[in-house]
PDB file of N, CA and C in Angstrom:
ATOM      1  N   UNK A   1      81.285 112.453 140.833  1.00  0.00           N
ATOM      2  CA  UNK A   1      81.902 113.084 141.981  1.00  0.00           C
ATOM      3  C   UNK A   1      83.074 112.221 142.441  1.00  0.00           C
ATOM      4  N   UNK A   2      84.215 112.819 142.648  1.00  0.00           N
ATOM      5  CA  UNK A   2      85.400 112.114 143.122  1.00  0.00           C
ATOM      6  C   UNK A   2      85.452 112.229 144.636  1.00  0.00           C
ATOM      7  N   UNK A   3      85.565 111.113 145.301  1.00  0.00           N
ATOM      8  CA  UNK A   3      85.647 111.101 146.756  1.00  0.00           C
ATOM      9  C   UNK A   3      87.110 111.131 147.187  1.00  0.00           C
ATOM     10  N   UNK A   4      87.397 111.918 148.203  1.00  0.00           N
ATOM     11  CA  UNK A   4      88.734 111.917 148.772  1.00  0.00           C
ATOM     12  C   UNK A   4      88.932 110.581 149.478  1.00  0.00           C
ATOM     13  N   UNK A   5      90.101 110.006 149.361  1.00  0.00           N
ATOM     14  CA  UNK A   5      90.365 108.732 150.011  1.00  0.00           C
ATOM     15  C   UNK A   5      91.788 108.723 150.560  1.00  0.00           C
ATOM     16  N   UNK A   6      92.222 107.564 151.022  1.00  0.00           N
ATOM     17  CA  UNK A   6      93.546 107.455 151.646  1.00  0.00           C
ATOM     18  C   UNK A   6      94.660 107.774 150.661  1.00  0.00           C
ATOM     19  N   UNK A   7      94.389 107.687 149.350  1.00  0.00           N
ATOM     20  CA  UNK A   7      95.411 107.937 148.345  1.00  0.00           C
ATOM     21  C   UNK A   7      95.405 109.373 147.830  1.00  0.00           C
ATOM     22  N   UNK A   8      94.467 110.181 148.296  1.00  0.00           N
ATOM     23  CA  UNK A   8      94.384 111.572 147.861  1.00  0.00           C
ATOM     24  C   UNK A   8      95.513 112.372 148.500  1.00  0.00           C
ATOM     25  N   UNK A   9      96.258 113.080 147.680  1.00  0.00           N
ATOM     26  CA  UNK A   9      97.320 113.937 148.205  1.00  0.00           C
ATOM     27  C   UNK A   9      96.716 115.319 148.450  1.00  0.00           C
ATOM     28  N   UNK A  10      96.289 115.551 149.668  1.00  0.00           N
ATOM     29  CA  UNK A  10      95.604 116.791 150.016  1.00  0.00           C
ATOM     30  C   UNK A  10      96.481 118.020 149.791  1.00  0.00           C
ATOM     31  N   UNK A  11      97.797 117.836 149.812  1.00  0.00           N
ATOM     32  CA  UNK A  11      98.703 118.970 149.597  1.00  0.00           C
ATOM     33  C   UNK A  11      98.511 119.595 148.222  1.00  0.00           C
ATOM     34  N   UNK A  12      98.080 118.806 147.247  1.00  0.00           N
ATOM     35  CA  UNK A  12      97.866 119.336 145.898  1.00  0.00           C
ATOM     36  C   UNK A  12      96.705 120.322 145.853  1.00  0.00           C
ATOM     37  N   UNK A  13      95.781 120.213 146.791  1.00  0.00           N
ATOM     38  CA  UNK A  13      94.573 121.032 146.765  1.00  0.00           C
ATOM     39  C   UNK A  13      94.569 122.104 147.850  1.00  0.00           C
ATOM     40  N   UNK A  14      95.672 122.222 148.567  1.00  0.00           N
ATOM     41  CA  UNK A  14      95.794 123.232 149.623  1.00  0.00           C
ATOM     42  C   UNK A  14      95.635 124.612 149.005  1.00  0.00           C
ATOM     43  N   UNK A  15      94.731 125.397 149.558  1.00  0.00           N
ATOM     44  CA  UNK A  15      94.431 126.717 148.997  1.00  0.00           C
ATOM     45  C   UNK A  15      95.659 127.623 148.964  1.00  0.00           C
ATOM     46  N   UNK A  16      96.637 127.362 149.821  1.00  0.00           N
ATOM     47  CA  UNK A  16      97.835 128.205 149.879  1.00  0.00           C
ATOM     48  C   UNK A  16      98.784 127.969 148.717  1.00  0.00           C
ATOM     49  N   UNK A  17      98.689 126.804 148.048  1.00  0.00           N
ATOM     50  CA  UNK A  17      99.590 126.503 146.932  1.00  0.00           C
ATOM     51  C   UNK A  17      98.845 126.192 145.635  1.00  0.00           C
ATOM     52  N   UNK A  18      97.540 126.153 145.702  1.00  0.00           N
ATOM     53  CA  UNK A  18      96.736 125.727 144.556  1.00  0.00           C
ATOM     54  C   UNK A  18      96.992 126.541 143.297  1.00  0.00           C
ATOM     55  N   UNK A  19      97.034 127.871 143.391  1.00  0.00           N
ATOM     56  CA  UNK A  19      97.223 128.719 142.211  1.00  0.00           C
ATOM     57  C   UNK A  19      98.554 128.404 141.533  1.00  0.00           C
ATOM     58  N   UNK A  20      99.603 128.233 142.319  1.00  0.00           N
ATOM     59  CA  UNK A  20     100.922 127.922 141.754  1.00  0.00           C
ATOM     60  C   UNK A  20     100.891 126.584 141.024  1.00  0.00           C
ATOM     61  N   UNK A  21     100.246 125.585 141.599  1.00  0.00           N
ATOM     62  CA  UNK A  21     100.160 124.276 140.973  1.00  0.00           C
ATOM     63  C   UNK A  21      99.295 124.308 139.716  1.00  0.00           C
ATOM     64  N   UNK A  22      98.223 125.099 139.744  1.00  0.00           N
ATOM     65  CA  UNK A  22      97.399 125.263 138.544  1.00  0.00           C
ATOM     66  C   UNK A  22      98.202 125.939 137.442  1.00  0.00           C
ATOM     67  N   UNK A  23      98.896 127.004 137.772  1.00  0.00           N
ATOM     68  CA  UNK A  23      99.689 127.740 136.779  1.00  0.00           C
ATOM     69  C   UNK A  23     100.797 126.880 136.180  1.00  0.00           C
ATOM     70  N   UNK A  24     101.363 125.980 136.988  1.00  0.00           N
ATOM     71  CA  UNK A  24     102.444 125.116 136.519  1.00  0.00           C
ATOM     72  C   UNK A  24     101.918 123.890 135.768  1.00  0.00           C
ATOM     73  N   UNK A  25     100.594 123.707 135.771  1.00  0.00           N
ATOM     74  CA  UNK A  25     100.013 122.564 135.068  1.00  0.00           C
ATOM     75  C   UNK A  25     100.105 121.263 135.837  1.00  0.00           C
ATOM     76  N   UNK A  26     100.468 121.333 137.108  1.00  0.00           N
ATOM     77  CA  UNK A  26     100.586 120.127 137.930  1.00  0.00           C
ATOM     78  C   UNK A  26      99.194 119.561 138.237  1.00  0.00           C
ATOM     79  N   UNK A  27      98.243 120.447 138.452  1.00  0.00           N
ATOM     80  CA  UNK A  27      96.844 120.052 138.618  1.00  0.00           C
ATOM     81  C   UNK A  27      95.999 120.884 137.662  1.00  0.00           C
ATOM     82  N   UNK A  28      94.795 120.419 137.398  1.00  0.00           N
ATOM     83  CA  UNK A  28      93.866 121.133 136.520  1.00  0.00           C
ATOM     84  C   UNK A  28      92.669 121.589 137.319  1.00  0.00           C
ATOM     85  N   UNK A  29      92.029 122.661 136.854  1.00  0.00           N
ATOM     86  CA  UNK A  29      90.879 123.201 137.567  1.00  0.00           C
ATOM     87  C   UNK A  29      89.784 122.151 137.724  1.00  0.00           C
ATOM     88  N   UNK A  30      89.603 121.299 136.711  1.00  0.00           N
ATOM     89  CA  UNK A  30      88.566 120.270 136.813  1.00  0.00           C
ATOM     90  C   UNK A  30      88.889 119.289 137.940  1.00  0.00           C
ATOM     91  N   UNK A  31      90.188 119.041 138.203  1.00  0.00           N
ATOM     92  CA  UNK A  31      90.576 118.173 139.307  1.00  0.00           C
ATOM     93  C   UNK A  31      90.247 118.827 140.648  1.00  0.00           C
ATOM     94  N   UNK A  32      90.501 120.129 140.746  1.00  0.00           N
ATOM     95  CA  UNK A  32      90.174 120.869 141.965  1.00  0.00           C
ATOM     96  C   UNK A  32      88.666 120.837 142.195  1.00  0.00           C
ATOM     97  N   UNK A  33      87.897 121.083 141.142  1.00  0.00           N
ATOM     98  CA  UNK A  33      86.441 121.085 141.258  1.00  0.00           C
ATOM     99  C   UNK A  33      85.924 119.724 141.717  1.00  0.00           C
ATOM    100  N   UNK A  34      86.471 118.645 141.166  1.00  0.00           N
ATOM    101  CA  UNK A  34      86.058 117.294 141.566  1.00  0.00           C
ATOM    102  C   UNK A  34      86.419 117.026 143.021  1.00  0.00           C
ATOM    103  N   UNK A  35      87.617 117.452 143.415  1.00  0.00           N
ATOM    104  CA  UNK A  35      88.051 117.254 144.793  1.00  0.00           C
ATOM    105  C   UNK A  35      87.119 117.987 145.758  1.00  0.00           C
ATOM    106  N   UNK A  36      86.830 119.247 145.464  1.00  0.00           N
ATOM    107  CA  UNK A  36      85.969 120.042 146.344  1.00  0.00           C
ATOM    108  C   UNK A  36      84.555 119.478 146.408  1.00  0.00           C
ATOM    109  N   UNK A  37      84.046 118.992 145.274  1.00  0.00           N
ATOM    110  CA  UNK A  37      82.703 118.406 145.241  1.00  0.00           C
ATOM    111  C   UNK A  37      82.641 117.132 146.074  1.00  0.00           C
ATOM    112  N   UNK A  38      83.769 116.441 146.224  1.00  0.00           N
ATOM    113  CA  UNK A  38      83.807 115.200 146.975  1.00  0.00           C
ATOM    114  C   UNK A  38      83.971 115.368 148.476  1.00  0.00           C
ATOM    115  N   UNK A  39      84.234 116.578 148.928  1.00  0.00           N
ATOM    116  CA  UNK A  39      84.389 116.806 150.361  1.00  0.00           C
ATOM    117  C   UNK A  39      83.032 116.747 151.050  1.00  0.00           C
ATOM    118  N   UNK A  40      82.972 116.163 152.240  1.00  0.00           N
ATOM    119  CA  UNK A  40      81.696 116.091 152.950  1.00  0.00           C
ATOM    120  C   UNK A  40      81.277 117.467 153.472  1.00  0.00           C
ATOM    121  N   UNK A  41      79.976 117.657 153.584  1.00  0.00           N
ATOM    122  CA  UNK A  41      79.437 118.891 154.154  1.00  0.00           C
ATOM    123  C   UNK A  41      79.490 118.762 155.673  1.00  0.00           C
ATOM    124  N   UNK A  42      80.326 119.539 156.298  1.00  0.00           N
ATOM    125  CA  UNK A  42      80.518 119.451 157.747  1.00  0.00           C
ATOM    126  C   UNK A  42      79.820 120.579 158.500  1.00  0.00           C
ATOM    127  N   UNK A  43      78.897 121.265 157.839  1.00  0.00           N
ATOM    128  CA  UNK A  43      78.223 122.412 158.457  1.00  0.00           C
ATOM    129  C   UNK A  43      77.524 122.031 159.762  1.00  0.00           C
ATOM    130  N   UNK A  44      76.960 120.846 159.822  1.00  0.00           N
ATOM    131  CA  UNK A  44      76.254 120.425 161.038  1.00  0.00           C
ATOM    132  C   UNK A  44      77.200 120.173 162.200  1.00  0.00           C
ATOM    133  N   UNK A  45      78.480 120.010 161.918  1.00  0.00           N
ATOM    134  CA  UNK A  45      79.485 119.765 162.955  1.00  0.00           C
ATOM    135  C   UNK A  45      80.087 121.060 163.513  1.00  0.00           C
ATOM    136  N   UNK A  46      79.793 122.184 162.875  1.00  0.00           N
ATOM    137  CA  UNK A  46      80.391 123.460 163.278  1.00  0.00           C
ATOM    138  C   UNK A  46      79.826 123.924 164.618  1.00  0.00           C
ATOM    139  N   UNK A  47      80.673 124.602 165.363  1.00  0.00           N
ATOM    140  CA  UNK A  47      80.257 125.170 166.643  1.00  0.00           C
ATOM    141  C   UNK A  47      80.508 126.673 166.606  1.00  0.00           C
ATOM    142  N   UNK A  48      79.586 127.451 167.162  1.00  0.00           N
ATOM    143  CA  UNK A  48      79.782 128.899 167.176  1.00  0.00           C
ATOM    144  C   UNK A  48      80.956 129.280 168.081  1.00  0.00           C
ATOM    145  N   UNK A  49      81.607 130.358 167.749  1.00  0.00           N
ATOM    146  CA  UNK A  49      82.693 130.869 168.584  1.00  0.00           C
ATOM    147  C   UNK A  49      82.630 132.386 168.587  1.00  0.00           C
ATOM    148  N   UNK A  50      83.214 132.953 169.609  1.00  0.00           N
ATOM    149  CA  UNK A  50      83.244 134.406 169.716  1.00  0.00           C
ATOM    150  C   UNK A  50      84.670 134.896 169.531  1.00  0.00           C
ATOM    151  N   UNK A  51      84.793 136.014 168.861  1.00  0.00           N
ATOM    152  CA  UNK A  51      86.097 136.622 168.621  1.00  0.00           C
ATOM    153  C   UNK A  51      86.014 138.082 169.020  1.00  0.00           C
ATOM    154  N   UNK A  52      87.002 138.540 169.756  1.00  0.00           N
ATOM    155  CA  UNK A  52      87.058 139.956 170.107  1.00  0.00           C
ATOM    156  C   UNK A  52      88.175 140.586 169.289  1.00  0.00           C
ATOM    157  N   UNK A  53      87.817 141.561 168.484  1.00  0.00           N
ATOM    158  CA  UNK A  53      88.792 142.259 167.667  1.00  0.00           C
ATOM    159  C   UNK A  53      89.126 143.588 168.321  1.00  0.00           C
ATOM    160  N   UNK A  54      90.379 143.913 168.306  1.00  0.00           N
ATOM    161  CA  UNK A  54      90.835 145.183 168.871  1.00  0.00           C
ATOM    162  C   UNK A  54      91.407 146.023 167.743  1.00  0.00           C
ATOM    163  N   UNK A  55      91.031 147.273 167.742  1.00  0.00           N
ATOM    164  CA  UNK A  55      91.523 148.170 166.705  1.00  0.00           C
ATOM    165  C   UNK A  55      92.991 148.484 166.956  1.00  0.00           C
ATOM    166  N   UNK A  56      93.796 148.337 165.924  1.00  0.00           N
ATOM    167  CA  UNK A  56      95.226 148.611 166.038  1.00  0.00           C
ATOM    168  C   UNK A  56      95.458 150.117 165.974  1.00  0.00           C
ATOM    169  N   UNK A  57      96.230 150.617 166.911  1.00  0.00           N
ATOM    170  CA  UNK A  57      96.546 152.044 166.921  1.00  0.00           C
ATOM    171  C   UNK A  57      97.645 152.316 165.907  1.00  0.00           C
ATOM    172  N   UNK A  58      97.557 153.458 165.258  1.00  0.00           N
ATOM    173  CA  UNK A  58      98.599 153.835 164.294  1.00  0.00           C
ATOM    174  C   UNK A  58      99.862 154.226 165.035  1.00  0.00           C
ATOM    175  N   UNK A  59     100.961 154.306 164.323  1.00  0.00           N
ATOM    176  CA  UNK A  59     102.244 154.661 164.943  1.00  0.00           C
ATOM    177  C   UNK A  59     102.225 156.064 165.508  1.00  0.00           C
ATOM    178  N   UNK A  60     101.363 156.936 164.966  1.00  0.00           N
ATOM    179  CA  UNK A  60     101.298 158.321 165.457  1.00  0.00           C
ATOM    180  C   UNK A  60     100.492 158.410 166.743  1.00  0.00           C
ATOM    181  N   UNK A  61      99.869 157.261 167.178  1.00  0.00           N
ATOM    182  CA  UNK A  61      99.118 157.259 168.416  1.00  0.00           C
ATOM    183  C   UNK A  61      97.659 157.636 168.255  1.00  0.00           C
ATOM    184  N   UNK A  62      97.232 157.855 167.029  1.00  0.00           N
ATOM    185  CA  UNK A  62      95.840 158.255 166.796  1.00  0.00           C
ATOM    186  C   UNK A  62      94.942 157.060 166.725  1.00  0.00           C
TER     187      UNK A  62
END
């Protein structure tokens, strides 16, 4: 298991750019898997929250 440390470039594993970096060969899937396996489980630190969703009205007003 690879642990994230002060030298880990978290930008390489950002979910928003990961596919592009994988496709370009900048990172490999095994590197992503090792990085994710090394992240701590923070489930016990999570706090519940409430969200109110509002239905968006269509342009026709329906």
